[in-house]
Amino acid sequence: MVKRDDEILQSLSDLDLSPTMEKNARDKYAALSKYLGEHGLDSDFYPQGSFLIGTTIRPYRDGKDHDYDLDVLAILKRKKADTDAKSVKNDVGDCIKASGVYSDKLEKEDRNCWTLKYADISDDVGFSLDIVPSVDENVAIKQDIVNSGVSYSNAMKTVAITDKEAYSYDWLTSNPLGFGDWFIAISNQHLSNAMKTKQYSNLPVEIRMIYASVEKIPTYYYRSNLQRAVQFIKRHRDIYYDRSRLSKDRPSSILISVLVADCVKDNWYMSVSDIIHAFVIGFNSGSISIMRGDKILNPVDLRENLLDRASESMMNNMSKWVSSLNVLMNIEDERNFKQSIHNDVNSRVFSDAFAKPAIITPTKPWKK
């Protein structure tokens, strides 16, 4: 019998962001927020993307693992009508550049963010913090999102992030915090108290000393079966597309997270493998509710099609990748399942599945 969930969880053990590194990253962006505030840039910092929803996985590119990429939203306390995207982006960047602590960690300006690189944080693995400057979005746009069918509480968290193309700066409407609320609400349906208790006992002592009980520890230290399923699917995607030399067609993490969460939003306490199967079946049949014909809608802005820039080749390759994932998940032999995970997810696990069983010659009876 294949113990799929046990083996999936083992394959993720050194790919997930460790609790120690999670705390380190949160401490660092809190310190940066404090620094900006002390220098006239009052702001609120929040994790966003995979960092927020607990689905961070170690990046895999060009045949090897890389440092973690963590996204952080910096919401400046300015009215959008009283400022502009260029000022918001460059005020944050200039403040970082002026710091003796942060300037040497600053990478080249990216389209939506400023990147700070922290190397060798733990076991020769580091992370980057992508700081995304933003302001609160205006009321008219939020109302449009409500009118599209999104809940008021989610729509009100919409922000305007800065977007640089060539030498021009503009705004993009985005709602990473609302998306986080949407995803985590579904994620909690697949996280039992027994799972929390088990995970709490495996946390590093220094973190358990800070939080005296299972109930008091922040939920971002726990992982639900939904979060684990998304991590496994993302890792399989990364290796599949890298080996196939199709990185440009690789579906985004938000697209995967939306599809996987939406297909199990009406269920409770599903296993990791059952969630992965539900995603494969739902995608292949087009029955996931967020899939509308040739569109996949953003659940926190139903005006937005997440496939807006997707080419025909991208969709064809995505179907081939999901078929490959389906093949892996339907392997019935435990040894073959472990070998496939070793090959297609994490080569650091299940090496013993390739060992040939030793042929033992029976000992002959002693002759007098």
Protein backbone atom coordinates (compact mmCIF):
# COMPACT_ATOMS: atom_id res chain seq x y z
CA MET A 1 0.00 0.00 0.00
CA VAL A 2 1.36 3.41 -1.00
CA LYS A 3 1.52 5.84 1.92
CA ARG A 4 1.17 8.82 -0.38
CA ASP A 5 0.72 11.57 2.21
CA ASP A 6 3.66 10.40 4.33
CA GLU A 7 5.94 10.33 1.31
CA ILE A 8 4.72 13.66 -0.03
CA LEU A 9 5.34 15.29 3.36
CA GLN A 10 8.82 13.76 3.55
CA SER A 11 9.65 15.15 0.11
CA LEU A 12 8.77 18.66 1.32
CA SER A 13 10.72 18.49 4.58
CA ASP A 14 13.77 20.41 3.34
CA LEU A 15 11.97 22.47 0.67
CA ASP A 16 9.60 24.42 2.93
CA LEU A 17 10.67 27.62 4.65
CA SER A 18 11.85 26.49 8.08
CA PRO A 19 10.24 28.06 11.19
CA THR A 20 13.62 29.58 12.09
CA MET A 21 14.01 31.18 8.66
CA GLU A 22 10.37 32.30 8.74
CA LYS A 23 10.97 34.15 12.00
CA ASN A 24 14.23 35.61 10.67
CA ALA A 25 12.50 36.99 7.57
CA ARG A 26 9.63 38.49 9.56
CA ASP A 27 12.05 40.11 11.99
CA LYS A 28 14.00 41.62 9.10
CA TYR A 29 11.04 43.19 7.32
CA ALA A 30 9.72 44.53 10.65
CA ALA A 31 13.09 46.19 11.24
CA LEU A 32 13.02 47.69 7.73
CA SER A 33 9.52 49.04 8.32
CA LYS A 34 10.72 50.64 11.55
CA TYR A 35 13.73 52.16 9.75
CA LEU A 36 11.54 53.68 7.02
CA GLY A 37 9.21 55.11 9.65
CA GLU A 38 12.12 56.72 11.48
CA HIS A 39 13.10 58.42 8.22
CA GLY A 40 9.73 59.90 7.33
CA LEU A 41 8.12 57.03 5.43
CA ASP A 42 5.28 55.85 7.63
CA SER A 43 4.14 52.49 6.32
CA ASP A 44 2.67 49.09 7.17
CA PHE A 45 4.54 45.97 6.06
CA TYR A 46 2.86 42.62 5.37
CA PRO A 47 4.01 39.36 3.82
CA GLN A 48 2.30 38.66 0.51
CA GLY A 49 2.06 35.88 -2.06
CA SER A 50 3.37 32.44 -1.07
CA PHE A 51 5.02 33.94 2.02
CA LEU A 52 1.61 35.10 3.27
CA ILE A 53 -0.43 32.00 2.42
CA GLY A 54 2.16 29.49 3.70
CA THR A 55 3.03 27.84 0.38
CA THR A 56 6.63 28.99 -0.03
CA ILE A 57 8.79 26.37 -1.70
CA ARG A 58 12.50 26.51 -2.45
CA PRO A 59 12.94 27.79 -6.04
CA TYR A 60 14.33 25.42 -8.66
CA ARG A 61 15.94 26.83 -11.79
CA ASP A 62 18.58 25.64 -14.24
CA GLY A 63 18.77 22.22 -12.66
CA LYS A 64 19.38 23.29 -9.07
CA ASP A 65 17.81 24.77 -5.94
CA HIS A 66 18.16 28.48 -5.17
CA ASP A 67 17.59 30.78 -2.20
CA TYR A 68 14.01 31.58 -1.21
CA ASP A 69 12.13 34.51 -2.78
CA LEU A 70 9.83 36.21 -0.24
CA ASP A 71 7.44 39.02 -1.15
CA VAL A 72 6.61 41.83 1.26
CA LEU A 73 3.98 44.52 0.72
CA ALA A 74 4.91 48.02 1.94
CA ILE A 75 1.77 50.19 2.15
CA LEU A 76 2.78 53.83 2.54
CA LYS A 77 0.31 55.90 4.52
CA ARG A 78 -0.43 58.31 1.69
CA LYS A 79 -3.55 58.94 -0.34
CA LYS A 80 -3.23 57.80 -3.93
CA ALA A 81 -4.72 61.10 -5.13
CA ASP A 82 -1.98 63.06 -3.33
CA THR A 83 1.02 61.21 -4.75
CA ASP A 84 2.22 59.29 -7.81
CA ALA A 85 3.76 55.87 -8.50
CA LYS A 86 7.23 57.22 -9.26
CA SER A 87 7.44 59.09 -5.95
CA VAL A 88 6.24 56.13 -3.91
CA LYS A 89 8.66 53.71 -5.59
CA ASN A 90 11.69 55.98 -5.44
CA ASP A 91 11.06 57.33 -1.93
CA VAL A 92 11.27 53.76 -0.64
CA GLY A 93 14.30 52.97 -2.81
CA ASP A 94 16.17 56.17 -1.90
CA CYS A 95 15.62 55.55 1.80
CA ILE A 96 17.02 52.03 1.50
CA LYS A 97 20.00 53.26 -0.53
CA ALA A 98 20.83 55.81 2.16
CA SER A 99 21.11 53.13 4.85
CA GLY A 100 24.42 51.65 5.84
CA VAL A 101 22.56 48.54 6.99
CA TYR A 102 20.52 47.89 3.83
CA SER A 103 22.32 49.52 0.89
CA ASP A 104 24.84 46.71 0.39
CA LYS A 105 21.99 44.15 0.28
CA LEU A 106 20.02 46.06 -2.36
CA GLU A 107 19.74 44.49 -5.82
CA LYS A 108 18.91 46.26 -9.07
CA GLU A 109 15.45 47.86 -9.15
CA ASP A 110 12.78 45.47 -10.38
CA ARG A 111 9.51 46.30 -12.11
CA ASN A 112 7.34 46.25 -8.98
CA CYS A 113 9.78 45.99 -6.10
CA TRP A 114 13.11 46.65 -4.43
CA THR A 115 14.98 43.45 -3.59
CA LEU A 116 17.13 42.93 -0.50
CA LYS A 117 19.37 39.87 -0.58
CA TYR A 118 20.21 38.00 2.63
CA ALA A 119 22.72 35.22 1.98
CA ASP A 120 23.53 32.12 4.06
CA ILE A 121 20.89 32.58 6.75
CA SER A 122 20.72 28.89 7.69
CA ASP A 123 22.67 25.86 6.41
CA ASP A 124 24.11 27.90 3.51
CA VAL A 125 20.59 28.85 2.39
CA GLY A 126 19.43 32.46 2.24
CA PHE A 127 16.46 34.47 1.04
CA SER A 128 15.60 37.67 -0.76
CA LEU A 129 12.92 40.10 0.40
CA ASP A 130 11.07 41.72 -2.51
CA ILE A 131 9.70 44.96 -1.06
CA VAL A 132 6.65 46.06 -3.08
CA PRO A 133 5.80 49.79 -2.50
CA SER A 134 2.09 50.62 -2.58
CA VAL A 135 -0.69 52.85 -1.31
CA ASP A 136 -4.34 52.22 -0.52
CA GLU A 137 -6.44 51.97 -3.70
CA ASN A 138 -9.11 54.58 -4.29
CA VAL A 139 -12.72 54.02 -3.25
CA ALA A 140 -14.16 53.98 -6.79
CA ILE A 141 -11.98 51.04 -7.85
CA LYS A 142 -12.79 49.15 -4.65
CA GLN A 143 -16.50 49.67 -5.33
CA ASP A 144 -16.07 48.30 -8.86
CA ILE A 145 -14.53 45.17 -7.35
CA VAL A 146 -17.44 44.81 -4.92
CA ASN A 147 -19.83 45.20 -7.87
CA SER A 148 -18.01 42.36 -9.64
CA GLY A 149 -19.13 40.01 -6.85
CA VAL A 150 -16.26 40.15 -4.34
CA SER A 151 -17.07 40.48 -0.64
CA TYR A 152 -16.78 43.96 0.83
CA SER A 153 -14.21 42.85 3.43
CA ASN A 154 -11.89 41.42 0.77
CA ALA A 155 -12.34 44.28 -1.69
CA MET A 156 -11.50 46.91 0.94
CA LYS A 157 -7.95 45.51 1.23
CA THR A 158 -7.14 46.39 -2.39
CA VAL A 159 -4.01 48.47 -2.93
CA ALA A 160 -2.27 50.23 -5.81
CA ILE A 161 1.27 48.93 -6.33
CA THR A 162 3.95 50.69 -8.34
CA ASP A 163 4.78 49.40 -11.82
CA LYS A 164 7.84 50.51 -13.79
CA GLU A 165 8.11 49.85 -17.50
CA ALA A 166 11.23 51.26 -19.19
CA TYR A 167 11.43 54.75 -17.64
CA SER A 168 7.73 55.17 -16.96
CA TYR A 169 5.97 54.55 -13.64
CA ASP A 170 2.30 53.72 -13.23
CA TRP A 171 -0.14 52.05 -10.83
CA LEU A 172 -1.43 48.47 -10.85
CA THR A 173 -4.46 47.43 -8.83
CA SER A 174 -3.64 44.44 -6.62
CA ASN A 175 -5.12 42.71 -3.59
CA PRO A 176 -2.56 40.35 -2.01
CA LEU A 177 -4.00 40.71 1.50
CA GLY A 178 -7.55 39.99 0.39
CA PHE A 179 -6.28 36.99 -1.53
CA GLY A 180 -4.46 35.85 1.60
CA ASP A 181 -7.71 36.01 3.59
CA TRP A 182 -9.55 34.06 0.88
CA PHE A 183 -6.91 31.32 0.65
CA ILE A 184 -6.22 30.96 4.38
CA ALA A 185 -9.95 30.61 5.15
CA ILE A 186 -10.05 27.58 2.83
CA SER A 187 -6.70 26.34 4.11
CA ASN A 188 -7.99 26.27 7.69
CA GLN A 189 -10.72 23.84 6.58
CA HIS A 190 -7.91 21.34 5.98
CA LEU A 191 -6.02 21.87 9.24
CA SER A 192 -7.16 19.91 12.29
CA ASN A 193 -6.29 20.49 15.94
CA ALA A 194 -4.46 17.16 15.96
CA MET A 195 -2.28 18.37 13.09
CA LYS A 196 -1.49 21.58 14.98
CA THR A 197 -0.51 19.64 18.11
CA LYS A 198 1.81 17.36 16.15
CA GLN A 199 3.42 20.25 14.28
CA TYR A 200 3.83 22.29 17.49
CA SER A 201 5.83 19.46 19.07
CA ASN A 202 8.20 19.47 16.09
CA LEU A 203 8.91 23.21 16.20
CA PRO A 204 12.36 24.38 17.35
CA VAL A 205 12.64 24.83 21.10
CA GLU A 206 13.42 28.55 20.80
CA ILE A 207 10.10 29.17 19.04
CA ARG A 208 8.07 27.01 21.43
CA MET A 209 9.58 28.96 24.33
CA ILE A 210 8.16 32.19 22.88
CA TYR A 211 4.66 30.74 22.46
CA ALA A 212 3.65 28.65 25.44
CA SER A 213 0.85 26.65 23.82
CA VAL A 214 -0.57 25.36 20.54
CA GLU A 215 -3.32 27.99 20.66
CA LYS A 216 -0.97 30.94 21.14
CA ILE A 217 1.46 30.23 18.31
CA PRO A 218 0.82 32.28 15.13
CA THR A 219 -0.96 30.25 12.46
CA TYR A 220 1.79 30.96 9.92
CA TYR A 221 3.98 28.38 11.68
CA TYR A 222 1.46 25.64 10.83
CA ARG A 223 0.89 23.95 7.47
CA SER A 224 -2.49 22.61 6.38
CA ASN A 225 -2.98 19.79 3.90
CA LEU A 226 -4.03 22.39 1.33
CA GLN A 227 -0.78 24.29 1.80
CA ARG A 228 1.22 21.07 1.51
CA ALA A 229 -0.64 20.09 -1.66
CA VAL A 230 0.10 23.47 -3.26
CA GLN A 231 3.78 23.20 -2.29
CA PHE A 232 4.06 19.72 -3.80
CA ILE A 233 2.31 20.77 -7.01
CA LYS A 234 4.51 23.88 -7.33
CA ARG A 235 7.70 21.87 -6.84
CA HIS A 236 6.63 19.29 -9.43
CA ARG A 237 5.82 22.18 -11.80
CA ASP A 238 9.23 23.79 -11.31
CA ILE A 239 11.18 20.65 -12.13
CA TYR A 240 8.91 19.64 -15.02
CA TYR A 241 9.16 23.03 -16.75
CA ASP A 242 12.88 23.40 -16.08
CA ARG A 243 13.68 20.00 -17.57
CA SER A 244 11.35 20.60 -20.50
CA ARG A 245 13.03 23.95 -21.19
CA LEU A 246 9.62 25.60 -21.01
CA SER A 247 10.25 28.09 -18.20
CA LYS A 248 8.58 30.92 -20.14
CA ASP A 249 5.33 28.93 -20.23
CA ARG A 250 5.41 27.99 -16.56
CA PRO A 251 2.05 28.74 -14.85
CA SER A 252 2.32 31.26 -12.02
CA SER A 253 2.14 30.32 -8.37
CA ILE A 254 -0.98 32.43 -7.87
CA LEU A 255 -2.69 30.59 -10.72
CA ILE A 256 -1.92 27.22 -9.12
CA SER A 257 -2.93 28.43 -5.65
CA VAL A 258 -6.27 29.76 -6.95
CA LEU A 259 -7.12 26.55 -8.81
CA VAL A 260 -6.14 24.15 -6.02
CA ALA A 261 -7.89 26.14 -3.27
CA ASP A 262 -11.03 26.75 -5.29
CA CYS A 263 -11.50 23.06 -6.09
CA VAL A 264 -11.61 22.12 -2.38
CA LYS A 265 -13.31 25.20 -0.93
CA ASP A 266 -16.48 23.25 -0.09
CA ASN A 267 -14.66 20.38 1.63
CA TRP A 268 -13.10 19.81 5.04
CA TYR A 269 -10.05 17.86 6.25
CA MET A 270 -9.07 16.31 2.94
CA SER A 271 -5.72 14.51 2.72
CA VAL A 272 -2.85 16.01 0.74
CA SER A 273 -3.09 13.36 -1.98
CA ASP A 274 -6.88 13.74 -2.25
CA ILE A 275 -6.47 17.50 -2.73
CA ILE A 276 -3.91 16.93 -5.50
CA HIS A 277 -6.26 14.43 -7.19
CA ALA A 278 -9.15 16.93 -6.90
CA PHE A 279 -7.03 19.58 -8.63
CA VAL A 280 -6.06 17.23 -11.48
CA ILE A 281 -9.65 16.06 -12.02
CA GLY A 282 -11.06 19.59 -11.74
CA PHE A 283 -8.52 21.09 -14.12
CA ASN A 284 -8.89 18.36 -16.74
CA SER A 285 -12.68 18.56 -16.65
CA GLY A 286 -12.85 22.35 -16.39
CA SER A 287 -15.15 21.95 -13.39
CA ILE A 288 -13.29 24.22 -10.93
CA SER A 289 -15.71 27.08 -10.30
CA ILE A 290 -13.15 29.83 -10.90
CA MET A 291 -12.62 28.43 -14.45
CA ARG A 292 -15.00 30.21 -16.82
CA GLY A 293 -14.52 29.06 -20.39
CA ASP A 294 -11.11 30.32 -21.50
CA LYS A 295 -10.75 32.41 -18.33
CA ILE A 296 -9.57 31.78 -14.78
CA LEU A 297 -10.89 34.54 -12.56
CA ASN A 298 -9.14 36.21 -9.65
CA PRO A 299 -11.36 35.40 -6.63
CA VAL A 300 -10.65 38.79 -5.01
CA ASP A 301 -11.14 40.80 -8.22
CA LEU A 302 -13.57 39.03 -10.50
CA ARG A 303 -12.93 41.62 -13.20
CA GLU A 304 -9.46 40.11 -13.69
CA ASN A 305 -8.67 37.12 -15.89
CA LEU A 306 -5.53 35.40 -14.61
CA LEU A 307 -5.02 33.95 -18.11
CA ASP A 308 -5.11 37.37 -19.73
CA ARG A 309 -1.58 37.00 -21.10
CA ALA A 310 -1.57 33.23 -21.55
CA SER A 311 -0.70 31.91 -25.00
CA GLU A 312 -2.12 28.79 -26.63
CA SER A 313 1.22 27.03 -26.17
CA MET A 314 1.21 27.85 -22.45
CA MET A 315 -2.21 26.25 -22.00
CA ASN A 316 -1.23 23.18 -24.06
CA ASN A 317 1.94 22.75 -22.00
CA MET A 318 0.02 23.21 -18.77
CA SER A 319 -2.29 20.37 -19.78
CA LYS A 320 0.73 18.14 -20.49
CA TRP A 321 2.26 19.02 -17.11
CA VAL A 322 -0.97 18.25 -15.22
CA SER A 323 -1.09 14.91 -17.06
CA SER A 324 2.45 14.20 -15.87
CA LEU A 325 1.42 15.02 -12.29
CA ASN A 326 -1.58 12.72 -12.69
CA VAL A 327 0.68 9.84 -13.77
CA LEU A 328 2.84 10.30 -10.67
CA MET A 329 -0.15 10.41 -8.32
CA ASN A 330 -1.62 7.21 -9.77
CA ILE A 331 1.45 5.03 -9.25
CA GLU A 332 0.28 2.07 -7.17
CA ASP A 333 3.65 0.54 -6.25
CA GLU A 334 5.29 2.22 -3.23
CA ARG A 335 8.83 1.73 -4.50
CA ASN A 336 7.98 3.25 -7.88
CA PHE A 337 6.14 6.12 -6.19
CA LYS A 338 9.22 6.93 -4.09
CA GLN A 339 11.45 6.73 -7.15
CA SER A 340 9.21 9.12 -9.05
CA ILE A 341 9.21 11.61 -6.16
CA HIS A 342 13.01 11.31 -6.01
CA ASN A 343 13.25 12.00 -9.75
CA ASP A 344 10.52 14.61 -10.19
CA VAL A 345 10.24 16.44 -6.85
CA ASN A 346 13.23 16.12 -4.51
CA SER A 347 16.37 14.14 -5.32
CA ARG A 348 17.49 14.30 -1.68
CA VAL A 349 14.83 11.83 -0.55
CA PHE A 350 14.17 8.14 -1.17
CA SER A 351 17.57 7.28 -2.64
CA ASP A 352 17.17 3.93 -0.92
CA ALA A 353 14.28 3.12 -3.27
CA PHE A 354 16.83 2.63 -6.03
CA ALA A 355 18.97 0.16 -4.10
CA LYS A 356 18.78 -3.33 -5.49
CA PRO A 357 17.81 -5.93 -2.90
CA ALA A 358 20.77 -8.06 -1.93
CA ILE A 359 20.68 -11.65 -3.15
CA ILE A 360 21.42 -13.85 -0.17
CA THR A 361 22.71 -17.33 -0.90
CA PRO A 362 21.28 -19.85 1.56
CA THR A 363 23.86 -21.30 3.87
CA LYS A 364 24.54 -24.95 3.09
CA PRO A 365 24.20 -27.44 5.93
CA TRP A 366 27.53 -28.37 7.51
CA LYS A 367 28.68 -31.72 6.35
CA LYS A 368 30.53 -34.11 8.61
